[in-house]
Amino acid sequence: MSEQATAVTHRLVPSPAGRIHVVEQGAGPLVLLVHGFPESWYSWRHQLPVLAAAGYRAAAIDVRGYGRSSKPGDTEAYRMLELVEDNAAVVRALGEQSAVVVGHDWGSAIAANSALVRPDVFRAVGMLSVPYAPRGGPRPSTVFAQLGGDEEFYVSYFQEPGRAEAEIEPDVRGWLAGFYAALSADTMPAPGAPDPHFVVRGGKLRDRFPTGRLPVWLSEHDLDVYAGEFERTGVSGALNRYRNMDRDWEDLAGFDGAPITRPSLFIGGGLDASTTWMADAIKAYPTTLPGLVSSHILDGCGHWIQQERPAEINRLLTDWLASLPA
């Protein structure tokens, strides 16, 4: 393998956010990797070298509000259409006309909307953990408020600026460790245990997090990397993504029910609530993803799939990329 393919480079590129931090490896067709909450470019550390070795230019970003990327102060600056334009700006800044975009968690939704809104730039889309569901139905805040009965759904809990920050920021490392463990296959609560996606009225989200050990995919060093970034930046930028779901619903009204026609890939974890709660969205793929190349559910896998099962994800990604038109 050439030195060019193995070298990892960091750069800051201009975008509507101000700047986006990009970590690159390899040369060839561009594959843009978009992380979710609460992570960073580092969540793609297992994919970057493999994609580079397979002949691709892999570029993992810090989404605006995270890491070394800009963190606008206005909550509305984190609406979906802004993040789509960040992605398009990164492609231009890297000197390319088009890219394949792959995302995980919130990054999956950002990638999906990038292919939906800017098909001129994004020629294919890979979605990890969170299925594509077209815009539609009632206002999201109304739906979330109805979930959980006497308990509060975590998305609703995140809505009020400062509330989740007051829980997370005094102990970022401990909170992240618990959140990652709550959604990992080997450490998540047993079936029938209180659901960590919901908060008892007056309680905190971390009240239901597992304690005592890290998931097998997460080393102490990995946790230090994630915690160090959020200890430096705070978590408001990351949480502001959740605070724009109603605005996204309004902004994307012109795409109500719209399918993504670009070639696509979906991979979910069999133990991931995102996959099980959105089973109907996966069943609708023949209509909503007419360009779907393949869809996979990894048995016994939790939410952090490219870190829990890197070898499988790498194989599925490279096989799919190889199948795409040049």
C-alpha atoms as a PDB file:
ATOM      1  CA  MET A   1       0.000   0.000   0.000  1.00  0.00           C
ATOM      2  CA  SER A   2       1.333   3.441  -0.874  1.00  0.00           C
ATOM      3  CA  GLU A   3       2.265   6.051   1.720  1.00  0.00           C
ATOM      4  CA  GLN A   4      -0.454   8.256   0.182  1.00  0.00           C
ATOM      5  CA  ALA A   5      -3.081   5.617   0.950  1.00  0.00           C
ATOM      6  CA  THR A   6      -1.943   5.105   4.548  1.00  0.00           C
ATOM      7  CA  ALA A   7      -1.320   8.718   5.621  1.00  0.00           C
ATOM      8  CA  VAL A   8      -4.030  10.434   7.662  1.00  0.00           C
ATOM      9  CA  THR A   9      -4.355  14.177   7.202  1.00  0.00           C
ATOM     10  CA  HIS A  10      -6.366  16.769   9.133  1.00  0.00           C
ATOM     11  CA  ARG A  11      -7.560  19.982   7.574  1.00  0.00           C
ATOM     12  CA  LEU A  12     -10.065  22.769   8.133  1.00  0.00           C
ATOM     13  CA  VAL A  13     -12.168  23.723   5.115  1.00  0.00           C
ATOM     14  CA  PRO A  14     -14.621  26.616   4.635  1.00  0.00           C
ATOM     15  CA  SER A  15     -18.351  25.977   4.889  1.00  0.00           C
ATOM     16  CA  PRO A  16     -21.533  27.891   5.702  1.00  0.00           C
ATOM     17  CA  ALA A  17     -20.799  27.022   9.353  1.00  0.00           C
ATOM     18  CA  GLY A  18     -17.474  28.832   9.087  1.00  0.00           C
ATOM     19  CA  ARG A  19     -15.136  25.838   9.029  1.00  0.00           C
ATOM     20  CA  ILE A  20     -15.454  22.060   8.999  1.00  0.00           C
ATOM     21  CA  HIS A  21     -12.735  19.757  10.325  1.00  0.00           C
ATOM     22  CA  VAL A  22     -11.994  16.952   7.867  1.00  0.00           C
ATOM     23  CA  VAL A  23      -9.849  13.865   8.471  1.00  0.00           C
ATOM     24  CA  GLU A  24      -8.773  12.193   5.227  1.00  0.00           C
ATOM     25  CA  GLN A  25      -7.093   8.990   4.209  1.00  0.00           C
ATOM     26  CA  GLY A  26      -6.505   7.524   0.768  1.00  0.00           C
ATOM     27  CA  ALA A  27      -6.937   8.599  -2.843  1.00  0.00           C
ATOM     28  CA  GLY A  28      -9.693   7.887  -5.349  1.00  0.00           C
ATOM     29  CA  PRO A  29     -13.446   8.493  -5.452  1.00  0.00           C
ATOM     30  CA  LEU A  30     -14.555  10.573  -2.462  1.00  0.00           C
ATOM     31  CA  VAL A  31     -16.515   8.937   0.377  1.00  0.00           C
ATOM     32  CA  LEU A  32     -17.777  11.442   2.949  1.00  0.00           C
ATOM     33  CA  LEU A  33     -18.334   9.974   6.437  1.00  0.00           C
ATOM     34  CA  VAL A  34     -20.758  11.742   8.794  1.00  0.00           C
ATOM     35  CA  HIS A  35     -20.943  10.838  12.503  1.00  0.00           C
ATOM     36  CA  GLY A  36     -23.846  10.977  14.943  1.00  0.00           C
ATOM     37  CA  PHE A  37     -24.518  11.928  18.572  1.00  0.00           C
ATOM     38  CA  PRO A  38     -22.475  12.113  20.759  1.00  0.00           C
ATOM     39  CA  GLU A  39     -19.389  11.340  18.697  1.00  0.00           C
ATOM     40  CA  SER A  40     -16.925  12.900  16.244  1.00  0.00           C
ATOM     41  CA  TRP A  41     -14.880  12.021  13.168  1.00  0.00           C
ATOM     42  CA  TYR A  42     -13.162   9.482  15.449  1.00  0.00           C
ATOM     43  CA  SER A  43     -16.129   7.112  15.217  1.00  0.00           C
ATOM     44  CA  TRP A  44     -14.894   6.260  11.680  1.00  0.00           C
ATOM     45  CA  ARG A  45     -11.360   5.351  12.810  1.00  0.00           C
ATOM     46  CA  HIS A  46     -11.866   1.698  11.767  1.00  0.00           C
ATOM     47  CA  GLN A  47     -13.248   2.610   8.335  1.00  0.00           C
ATOM     48  CA  LEU A  48     -10.752   5.227   7.165  1.00  0.00           C
ATOM     49  CA  PRO A  49      -7.776   2.884   6.565  1.00  0.00           C
ATOM     50  CA  VAL A  50      -9.901   0.126   5.029  1.00  0.00           C
ATOM     51  CA  LEU A  51     -11.618   2.473   2.579  1.00  0.00           C
ATOM     52  CA  ALA A  52      -8.245   3.987   1.708  1.00  0.00           C
ATOM     53  CA  ALA A  53      -6.787   0.539   1.052  1.00  0.00           C
ATOM     54  CA  ALA A  54      -9.765  -0.254  -1.184  1.00  0.00           C
ATOM     55  CA  GLY A  55      -8.980   2.715  -3.420  1.00  0.00           C
ATOM     56  CA  TYR A  56     -11.168   5.473  -2.016  1.00  0.00           C
ATOM     57  CA  ARG A  57     -10.543   8.925  -0.631  1.00  0.00           C
ATOM     58  CA  ALA A  58     -12.251   8.597   2.761  1.00  0.00           C
ATOM     59  CA  ALA A  59     -13.070  11.883   4.499  1.00  0.00           C
ATOM     60  CA  ALA A  60     -14.587  11.885   7.996  1.00  0.00           C
ATOM     61  CA  ILE A  61     -15.892  15.203   9.274  1.00  0.00           C
ATOM     62  CA  ASP A  62     -16.695  16.776  12.586  1.00  0.00           C
ATOM     63  CA  VAL A  63     -20.296  17.914  12.074  1.00  0.00           C
ATOM     64  CA  ARG A  64     -20.841  21.588  12.911  1.00  0.00           C
ATOM     65  CA  GLY A  65     -21.066  21.969  16.671  1.00  0.00           C
ATOM     66  CA  TYR A  66     -18.556  19.170  17.273  1.00  0.00           C
ATOM     67  CA  GLY A  67     -14.808  18.896  17.658  1.00  0.00           C
ATOM     68  CA  ARG A  68     -12.732  21.342  15.644  1.00  0.00           C
ATOM     69  CA  SER A  69     -15.599  22.445  13.394  1.00  0.00           C
ATOM     70  CA  SER A  70     -17.352  25.764  13.916  1.00  0.00           C
ATOM     71  CA  LYS A  71     -20.023  26.049  16.584  1.00  0.00           C
ATOM     72  CA  PRO A  72     -22.512  28.783  15.694  1.00  0.00           C
ATOM     73  CA  GLY A  73     -24.240  30.282  18.709  1.00  0.00           C
ATOM     74  CA  ASP A  74     -27.725  30.372  17.206  1.00  0.00           C
ATOM     75  CA  THR A  75     -29.761  27.214  17.837  1.00  0.00           C
ATOM     76  CA  GLU A  76     -31.401  27.574  14.418  1.00  0.00           C
ATOM     77  CA  ALA A  77     -27.978  27.273  12.770  1.00  0.00           C
ATOM     78  CA  TYR A  78     -28.152  23.506  13.337  1.00  0.00           C
ATOM     79  CA  ARG A  79     -31.171  22.849  11.107  1.00  0.00           C
ATOM     80  CA  MET A  80     -30.891  19.996   8.618  1.00  0.00           C
ATOM     81  CA  LEU A  81     -30.601  22.125   5.478  1.00  0.00           C
ATOM     82  CA  GLU A  82     -27.604  23.924   6.973  1.00  0.00           C
ATOM     83  CA  LEU A  83     -25.860  20.606   7.613  1.00  0.00           C
ATOM     84  CA  VAL A  84     -26.602  19.428   4.076  1.00  0.00           C
ATOM     85  CA  GLU A  85     -24.934  22.561   2.729  1.00  0.00           C
ATOM     86  CA  ASP A  86     -21.927  21.948   4.996  1.00  0.00           C
ATOM     87  CA  ASN A  87     -21.538  18.536   3.367  1.00  0.00           C
ATOM     88  CA  ALA A  88     -21.772  20.000  -0.134  1.00  0.00           C
ATOM     89  CA  ALA A  89     -19.236  22.675   0.816  1.00  0.00           C
ATOM     90  CA  VAL A  90     -16.785  20.028   2.037  1.00  0.00           C
ATOM     91  CA  VAL A  91     -17.021  18.214  -1.305  1.00  0.00           C
ATOM     92  CA  ARG A  92     -16.261  21.463  -3.161  1.00  0.00           C
ATOM     93  CA  ALA A  93     -13.443  22.385  -0.781  1.00  0.00           C
ATOM     94  CA  LEU A  94     -11.811  19.011  -1.400  1.00  0.00           C
ATOM     95  CA  GLY A  95     -11.798  19.777  -5.111  1.00  0.00           C
ATOM     96  CA  GLU A  96     -14.457  17.250  -6.062  1.00  0.00           C
ATOM     97  CA  GLN A  97     -17.730  17.546  -7.972  1.00  0.00           C
ATOM     98  CA  SER A  98     -19.482  14.599  -6.322  1.00  0.00           C
ATOM     99  CA  ALA A  99     -19.176  12.099  -3.476  1.00  0.00           C
ATOM    100  CA  VAL A 100     -20.747   9.092  -1.858  1.00  0.00           C
ATOM    101  CA  VAL A 101     -22.053  10.072   1.570  1.00  0.00           C
ATOM    102  CA  VAL A 102     -22.287   7.607   4.471  1.00  0.00           C
ATOM    103  CA  GLY A 103     -23.695   8.465   7.887  1.00  0.00           C
ATOM    104  CA  HIS A 104     -24.389   6.908  11.265  1.00  0.00           C
ATOM    105  CA  ASP A 105     -27.129   7.873  13.760  1.00  0.00           C
ATOM    106  CA  TRP A 106     -27.851  11.588  13.180  1.00  0.00           C
ATOM    107  CA  GLY A 107     -25.247  11.323  10.462  1.00  0.00           C
ATOM    108  CA  SER A 108     -27.518   8.812   8.728  1.00  0.00           C
ATOM    109  CA  ALA A 109     -30.313  11.386   8.589  1.00  0.00           C
ATOM    110  CA  ILE A 110     -27.871  14.078   7.453  1.00  0.00           C
ATOM    111  CA  ALA A 111     -26.524  11.769   4.736  1.00  0.00           C
ATOM    112  CA  ALA A 112     -30.029  10.785   3.613  1.00  0.00           C
ATOM    113  CA  ASN A 113     -31.122  14.396   3.340  1.00  0.00           C
ATOM    114  CA  SER A 114     -27.916  15.280   1.532  1.00  0.00           C
ATOM    115  CA  ALA A 115     -28.764  12.730  -1.166  1.00  0.00           C
ATOM    116  CA  LEU A 116     -32.399  13.883  -1.187  1.00  0.00           C
ATOM    117  CA  VAL A 117     -31.804  17.643  -1.362  1.00  0.00           C
ATOM    118  CA  ARG A 118     -28.484  17.704  -3.274  1.00  0.00           C
ATOM    119  CA  PRO A 119     -28.526  14.727  -5.658  1.00  0.00           C
ATOM    120  CA  ASP A 120     -26.344  16.860  -7.936  1.00  0.00           C
ATOM    121  CA  VAL A 121     -23.510  16.423  -5.434  1.00  0.00           C
ATOM    122  CA  PHE A 122     -24.201  13.114  -3.672  1.00  0.00           C
ATOM    123  CA  ARG A 123     -24.316  10.184  -6.053  1.00  0.00           C
ATOM    124  CA  ALA A 124     -25.049   7.465  -3.478  1.00  0.00           C
ATOM    125  CA  VAL A 125     -25.918   7.247   0.213  1.00  0.00           C
ATOM    126  CA  GLY A 126     -25.137   4.738   2.959  1.00  0.00           C
ATOM    127  CA  MET A 127     -27.199   4.842   6.168  1.00  0.00           C
ATOM    128  CA  LEU A 128     -26.099   3.147   9.384  1.00  0.00           C
ATOM    129  CA  SER A 129     -28.361   2.456  12.388  1.00  0.00           C
ATOM    130  CA  VAL A 130     -31.127   4.979  11.642  1.00  0.00           C
ATOM    131  CA  PRO A 131     -33.410   4.039   8.716  1.00  0.00           C
ATOM    132  CA  TYR A 132     -34.618   6.544   6.169  1.00  0.00           C
ATOM    133  CA  ALA A 133     -38.165   7.738   6.752  1.00  0.00           C
ATOM    134  CA  PRO A 134     -39.486  10.495   4.477  1.00  0.00           C
ATOM    135  CA  ARG A 135     -40.697  13.741   5.934  1.00  0.00           C
ATOM    136  CA  GLY A 136     -44.377  13.551   6.839  1.00  0.00           C
ATOM    137  CA  GLY A 137     -46.931  13.080   9.572  1.00  0.00           C
ATOM    138  CA  PRO A 138     -47.513  15.369  12.561  1.00  0.00           C
ATOM    139  CA  ARG A 139     -44.990  17.859  13.917  1.00  0.00           C
ATOM    140  CA  PRO A 140     -42.148  15.849  15.539  1.00  0.00           C
ATOM    141  CA  SER A 141     -42.409  17.525  18.941  1.00  0.00           C
ATOM    142  CA  THR A 142     -46.055  16.478  19.112  1.00  0.00           C
ATOM    143  CA  VAL A 143     -45.157  12.858  18.365  1.00  0.00           C
ATOM    144  CA  PHE A 144     -42.324  12.741  20.917  1.00  0.00           C
ATOM    145  CA  ALA A 145     -44.462  14.333  23.632  1.00  0.00           C
ATOM    146  CA  GLN A 146     -46.938  11.459  23.304  1.00  0.00           C
ATOM    147  CA  LEU A 147     -44.301   8.758  23.866  1.00  0.00           C
ATOM    148  CA  GLY A 148     -43.577   7.203  27.229  1.00  0.00           C
ATOM    149  CA  GLY A 149     -46.762   7.927  29.162  1.00  0.00           C
ATOM    150  CA  ASP A 150     -45.663   9.334  32.523  1.00  0.00           C
ATOM    151  CA  GLU A 151     -42.029   9.241  31.413  1.00  0.00           C
ATOM    152  CA  GLU A 152     -40.292  11.653  29.052  1.00  0.00           C
ATOM    153  CA  PHE A 153     -38.692  10.558  25.779  1.00  0.00           C
ATOM    154  CA  TYR A 154     -35.038  11.550  25.557  1.00  0.00           C
ATOM    155  CA  VAL A 155     -35.593  13.706  22.446  1.00  0.00           C
ATOM    156  CA  SER A 156     -38.145  15.768  24.372  1.00  0.00           C
ATOM    157  CA  TYR A 157     -35.739  15.916  27.323  1.00  0.00           C
ATOM    158  CA  PHE A 158     -33.086  17.421  25.044  1.00  0.00           C
ATOM    159  CA  GLN A 159     -35.322  20.233  23.755  1.00  0.00           C
ATOM    160  CA  GLU A 160     -34.891  22.880  26.452  1.00  0.00           C
ATOM    161  CA  PRO A 161     -31.535  24.653  26.072  1.00  0.00           C
ATOM    162  CA  GLY A 162     -29.353  24.155  29.126  1.00  0.00           C
ATOM    163  CA  ARG A 163     -31.331  21.310  30.664  1.00  0.00           C
ATOM    164  CA  ALA A 164     -29.364  18.326  29.330  1.00  0.00           C
ATOM    165  CA  GLU A 165     -26.169  20.404  29.464  1.00  0.00           C
ATOM    166  CA  ALA A 166     -26.646  20.713  33.236  1.00  0.00           C
ATOM    167  CA  GLU A 167     -26.727  16.919  33.485  1.00  0.00           C
ATOM    168  CA  ILE A 168     -23.874  16.137  31.097  1.00  0.00           C
ATOM    169  CA  GLU A 169     -21.221  18.810  31.452  1.00  0.00           C
ATOM    170  CA  PRO A 170     -20.277  18.356  35.146  1.00  0.00           C
ATOM    171  CA  ASP A 171     -19.155  14.772  34.308  1.00  0.00           C
ATOM    172  CA  VAL A 172     -18.759  14.459  30.551  1.00  0.00           C
ATOM    173  CA  ARG A 173     -16.622  11.326  30.661  1.00  0.00           C
ATOM    174  CA  GLY A 174     -18.916   9.456  33.040  1.00  0.00           C
ATOM    175  CA  TRP A 175     -22.040  10.484  31.129  1.00  0.00           C
ATOM    176  CA  LEU A 176     -20.608   9.404  27.785  1.00  0.00           C
ATOM    177  CA  ALA A 177     -19.471   6.064  29.211  1.00  0.00           C
ATOM    178  CA  GLY A 178     -22.997   5.396  30.461  1.00  0.00           C
ATOM    179  CA  PHE A 179     -24.691   6.546  27.258  1.00  0.00           C
ATOM    180  CA  TYR A 180     -22.433   4.417  25.061  1.00  0.00           C
ATOM    181  CA  ALA A 181     -22.963   1.405  27.352  1.00  0.00           C
ATOM    182  CA  ALA A 182     -26.744   1.859  27.376  1.00  0.00           C
ATOM    183  CA  LEU A 183     -26.908   1.353  23.600  1.00  0.00           C
ATOM    184  CA  SER A 184     -24.162  -1.283  23.160  1.00  0.00           C
ATOM    185  CA  ALA A 185     -25.019  -4.941  22.675  1.00  0.00           C
ATOM    186  CA  ASP A 186     -22.809  -6.265  25.486  1.00  0.00           C
ATOM    187  CA  THR A 187     -23.722  -3.692  28.148  1.00  0.00           C
ATOM    188  CA  MET A 188     -27.277  -2.500  27.395  1.00  0.00           C
ATOM    189  CA  PRO A 189     -29.981  -3.107  30.030  1.00  0.00           C
ATOM    190  CA  ALA A 190     -31.566  -6.554  29.944  1.00  0.00           C
ATOM    191  CA  PRO A 191     -34.951  -7.017  28.257  1.00  0.00           C
ATOM    192  CA  GLY A 192     -37.670  -5.811  30.602  1.00  0.00           C
ATOM    193  CA  ALA A 193     -35.368  -3.415  32.479  1.00  0.00           C
ATOM    194  CA  PRO A 194     -36.271   0.298  32.551  1.00  0.00           C
ATOM    195  CA  ASP A 195     -35.632   1.807  29.118  1.00  0.00           C
ATOM    196  CA  PRO A 196     -32.691   4.255  29.079  1.00  0.00           C
ATOM    197  CA  HIS A 197     -34.351   6.214  26.252  1.00  0.00           C
ATOM    198  CA  PHE A 198     -36.891   7.573  28.743  1.00  0.00           C
ATOM    199  CA  VAL A 199     -36.568   9.831  31.767  1.00  0.00           C
ATOM    200  CA  VAL A 200     -38.658   9.671  34.928  1.00  0.00           C
ATOM    201  CA  ARG A 201     -40.328  13.033  35.511  1.00  0.00           C
ATOM    202  CA  GLY A 202     -37.914  15.105  37.543  1.00  0.00           C
ATOM    203  CA  GLY A 203     -35.073  12.639  36.941  1.00  0.00           C
ATOM    204  CA  LYS A 204     -32.060  12.505  34.674  1.00  0.00           C
ATOM    205  CA  LEU A 205     -31.300  10.426  31.607  1.00  0.00           C
ATOM    206  CA  ARG A 206     -28.227   8.905  33.249  1.00  0.00           C
ATOM    207  CA  ASP A 207     -30.333   7.432  36.068  1.00  0.00           C
ATOM    208  CA  ARG A 208     -30.860   4.369  33.862  1.00  0.00           C
ATOM    209  CA  PHE A 209     -27.403   4.088  32.352  1.00  0.00           C
ATOM    210  CA  PRO A 210     -25.415   0.911  33.067  1.00  0.00           C
ATOM    211  CA  THR A 211     -22.373   1.359  35.285  1.00  0.00           C
ATOM    212  CA  GLY A 212     -19.282  -0.641  36.107  1.00  0.00           C
ATOM    213  CA  ARG A 213     -17.729  -1.514  32.753  1.00  0.00           C
ATOM    214  CA  LEU A 214     -17.206  -0.159  29.281  1.00  0.00           C
ATOM    215  CA  PRO A 215     -18.519  -1.868  26.137  1.00  0.00           C
ATOM    216  CA  VAL A 216     -15.924  -4.113  24.529  1.00  0.00           C
ATOM    217  CA  TRP A 217     -15.568  -1.789  21.533  1.00  0.00           C
ATOM    218  CA  LEU A 218     -14.718   1.230  23.706  1.00  0.00           C
ATOM    219  CA  SER A 219     -11.244   1.433  25.250  1.00  0.00           C
ATOM    220  CA  GLU A 220     -10.281   3.887  27.963  1.00  0.00           C
ATOM    221  CA  HIS A 221      -8.293   5.751  25.301  1.00  0.00           C
ATOM    222  CA  ASP A 222     -11.307   5.915  22.976  1.00  0.00           C
ATOM    223  CA  LEU A 223     -13.422   7.314  25.799  1.00  0.00           C
ATOM    224  CA  ASP A 224     -10.709   9.854  26.585  1.00  0.00           C
ATOM    225  CA  VAL A 225     -10.762  11.046  22.959  1.00  0.00           C
ATOM    226  CA  TYR A 226     -14.537  11.542  22.920  1.00  0.00           C
ATOM    227  CA  ALA A 227     -14.677  13.080  26.396  1.00  0.00           C
ATOM    228  CA  GLY A 228     -11.762  15.402  25.694  1.00  0.00           C
ATOM    229  CA  GLU A 229     -13.557  16.964  22.733  1.00  0.00           C
ATOM    230  CA  PHE A 230     -16.808  17.578  24.623  1.00  0.00           C
ATOM    231  CA  GLU A 231     -15.006  18.823  27.716  1.00  0.00           C
ATOM    232  CA  ARG A 232     -13.345  21.394  25.466  1.00  0.00           C
ATOM    233  CA  THR A 233     -16.380  22.412  23.387  1.00  0.00           C
ATOM    234  CA  GLY A 234     -19.377  21.705  25.617  1.00  0.00           C
ATOM    235  CA  VAL A 235     -22.369  19.753  24.339  1.00  0.00           C
ATOM    236  CA  SER A 236     -24.784  22.497  23.249  1.00  0.00           C
ATOM    237  CA  GLY A 237     -23.734  22.336  19.601  1.00  0.00           C
ATOM    238  CA  ALA A 238     -24.380  18.604  19.532  1.00  0.00           C
ATOM    239  CA  LEU A 239     -27.716  18.897  21.340  1.00  0.00           C
ATOM    240  CA  ASN A 240     -28.889  21.688  19.043  1.00  0.00           C
ATOM    241  CA  ARG A 241     -29.419  19.125  16.294  1.00  0.00           C
ATOM    242  CA  TYR A 242     -32.323  17.713  18.343  1.00  0.00           C
ATOM    243  CA  ARG A 243     -33.673  21.218  18.914  1.00  0.00           C
ATOM    244  CA  ASN A 244     -34.307  21.747  15.205  1.00  0.00           C
ATOM    245  CA  MET A 245     -36.524  18.788  14.390  1.00  0.00           C
ATOM    246  CA  ASP A 246     -39.652  20.932  14.120  1.00  0.00           C
ATOM    247  CA  ARG A 247     -37.787  23.439  11.956  1.00  0.00           C
ATOM    248  CA  ASP A 248     -36.608  20.588   9.726  1.00  0.00           C
ATOM    249  CA  TRP A 249     -40.200  19.413   9.396  1.00  0.00           C
ATOM    250  CA  GLU A 250     -41.124  22.898   8.186  1.00  0.00           C
ATOM    251  CA  ASP A 251     -38.057  23.388   5.970  1.00  0.00           C
ATOM    252  CA  LEU A 252     -38.513  20.037   4.210  1.00  0.00           C
ATOM    253  CA  ALA A 253     -42.247  20.398   3.532  1.00  0.00           C
ATOM    254  CA  GLY A 254     -41.526  20.405  -0.192  1.00  0.00           C
ATOM    255  CA  PHE A 255     -40.045  16.902   0.169  1.00  0.00           C
ATOM    256  CA  ASP A 256     -43.041  15.400   1.993  1.00  0.00           C
ATOM    257  CA  GLY A 257     -43.073  11.661   1.340  1.00  0.00           C
ATOM    258  CA  ALA A 258     -40.199  11.969  -1.142  1.00  0.00           C
ATOM    259  CA  PRO A 259     -38.116   8.890  -1.976  1.00  0.00           C
ATOM    260  CA  ILE A 260     -34.335   8.916  -2.271  1.00  0.00           C
ATOM    261  CA  THR A 261     -33.581   7.696  -5.768  1.00  0.00           C
ATOM    262  CA  ARG A 262     -29.791   7.567  -5.547  1.00  0.00           C
ATOM    263  CA  PRO A 263     -28.186   4.132  -4.992  1.00  0.00           C
ATOM    264  CA  SER A 264     -28.397   3.384  -1.286  1.00  0.00           C
ATOM    265  CA  LEU A 265     -27.324   1.026   1.486  1.00  0.00           C
ATOM    266  CA  PHE A 266     -28.770   0.441   4.934  1.00  0.00           C
ATOM    267  CA  ILE A 267     -27.152  -1.428   7.832  1.00  0.00           C
ATOM    268  CA  GLY A 268     -28.762  -1.675  11.263  1.00  0.00           C
ATOM    269  CA  GLY A 269     -28.156  -3.479  14.527  1.00  0.00           C
ATOM    270  CA  GLY A 270     -30.580  -6.191  15.544  1.00  0.00           C
ATOM    271  CA  LEU A 271     -30.570  -4.962  19.160  1.00  0.00           C
ATOM    272  CA  ASP A 272     -30.731  -1.267  18.288  1.00  0.00           C
ATOM    273  CA  ALA A 273     -33.934   0.549  19.232  1.00  0.00           C
ATOM    274  CA  SER A 274     -33.514   2.704  16.120  1.00  0.00           C
ATOM    275  CA  THR A 275     -33.951  -0.418  14.023  1.00  0.00           C
ATOM    276  CA  THR A 276     -36.780  -1.998  15.984  1.00  0.00           C
ATOM    277  CA  TRP A 277     -38.808   1.185  16.523  1.00  0.00           C
ATOM    278  CA  MET A 278     -38.510   2.033  12.839  1.00  0.00           C
ATOM    279  CA  ALA A 279     -39.211  -1.425  11.460  1.00  0.00           C
ATOM    280  CA  ASP A 280     -42.049  -0.039   9.349  1.00  0.00           C
ATOM    281  CA  ALA A 281     -39.646   2.427   7.724  1.00  0.00           C
ATOM    282  CA  ILE A 282     -37.405  -0.483   6.720  1.00  0.00           C
ATOM    283  CA  LYS A 283     -40.384  -2.379   5.304  1.00  0.00           C
ATOM    284  CA  ALA A 284     -41.230   0.676   3.199  1.00  0.00           C
ATOM    285  CA  TYR A 285     -37.828   0.739   1.480  1.00  0.00           C
ATOM    286  CA  PRO A 286     -39.141  -0.572  -1.876  1.00  0.00           C
ATOM    287  CA  THR A 287     -41.092   2.700  -2.052  1.00  0.00           C
ATOM    288  CA  THR A 288     -38.881   5.125  -0.121  1.00  0.00           C
ATOM    289  CA  LEU A 289     -35.488   3.849  -1.370  1.00  0.00           C
ATOM    290  CA  PRO A 290     -36.098   2.647  -4.939  1.00  0.00           C
ATOM    291  CA  GLY A 291     -32.330   2.738  -5.519  1.00  0.00           C
ATOM    292  CA  LEU A 292     -31.590   0.431  -2.573  1.00  0.00           C
ATOM    293  CA  VAL A 293     -28.712  -1.903  -3.396  1.00  0.00           C
ATOM    294  CA  SER A 294     -28.729  -3.871  -0.142  1.00  0.00           C
ATOM    295  CA  SER A 295     -30.126  -3.781   3.391  1.00  0.00           C
ATOM    296  CA  HIS A 296     -28.675  -5.650   6.360  1.00  0.00           C
ATOM    297  CA  ILE A 297     -29.558  -6.230  10.011  1.00  0.00           C
ATOM    298  CA  LEU A 298     -26.610  -7.435  12.102  1.00  0.00           C
ATOM    299  CA  ASP A 299     -27.823  -9.967  14.668  1.00  0.00           C
ATOM    300  CA  GLY A 300     -26.766  -9.249  18.243  1.00  0.00           C
ATOM    301  CA  CYS A 301     -25.418  -5.797  17.405  1.00  0.00           C
ATOM    302  CA  GLY A 302     -26.282  -2.580  19.198  1.00  0.00           C
ATOM    303  CA  HIS A 303     -26.354   1.033  18.049  1.00  0.00           C
ATOM    304  CA  TRP A 304     -22.666   1.861  17.504  1.00  0.00           C
ATOM    305  CA  ILE A 305     -22.366  -0.553  14.628  1.00  0.00           C
ATOM    306  CA  GLN A 306     -19.230   0.626  12.809  1.00  0.00           C
ATOM    307  CA  GLN A 307     -17.384   0.438  16.130  1.00  0.00           C
ATOM    308  CA  GLU A 308     -19.062  -2.705  17.514  1.00  0.00           C
ATOM    309  CA  ARG A 309     -18.672  -4.665  14.248  1.00  0.00           C
ATOM    310  CA  PRO A 310     -15.973  -2.888  12.223  1.00  0.00           C
ATOM    311  CA  ALA A 311     -14.954  -5.891  10.099  1.00  0.00           C
ATOM    312  CA  GLU A 312     -18.536  -6.575   8.998  1.00  0.00           C
ATOM    313  CA  ILE A 313     -19.283  -2.927   8.327  1.00  0.00           C
ATOM    314  CA  ASN A 314     -16.076  -2.536   6.355  1.00  0.00           C
ATOM    315  CA  ARG A 315     -16.887  -5.551   4.199  1.00  0.00           C
ATOM    316  CA  LEU A 316     -20.449  -4.393   3.538  1.00  0.00           C
ATOM    317  CA  LEU A 317     -19.326  -0.849   2.765  1.00  0.00           C
ATOM    318  CA  THR A 318     -16.546  -1.843   0.374  1.00  0.00           C
ATOM    319  CA  ASP A 319     -18.746  -4.400  -1.406  1.00  0.00           C
ATOM    320  CA  TRP A 320     -21.463  -1.768  -1.864  1.00  0.00           C
ATOM    321  CA  LEU A 321     -19.032   0.898  -3.021  1.00  0.00           C
ATOM    322  CA  ALA A 322     -17.560  -1.503  -5.557  1.00  0.00           C
ATOM    323  CA  SER A 323     -21.039  -2.113  -6.982  1.00  0.00           C
ATOM    324  CA  LEU A 324     -21.735   1.560  -7.677  1.00  0.00           C
ATOM    325  CA  PRO A 325     -21.469   3.072 -11.146  1.00  0.00           C
ATOM    326  CA  ALA A 326     -18.190   4.906 -11.641  1.00  0.00           C
END
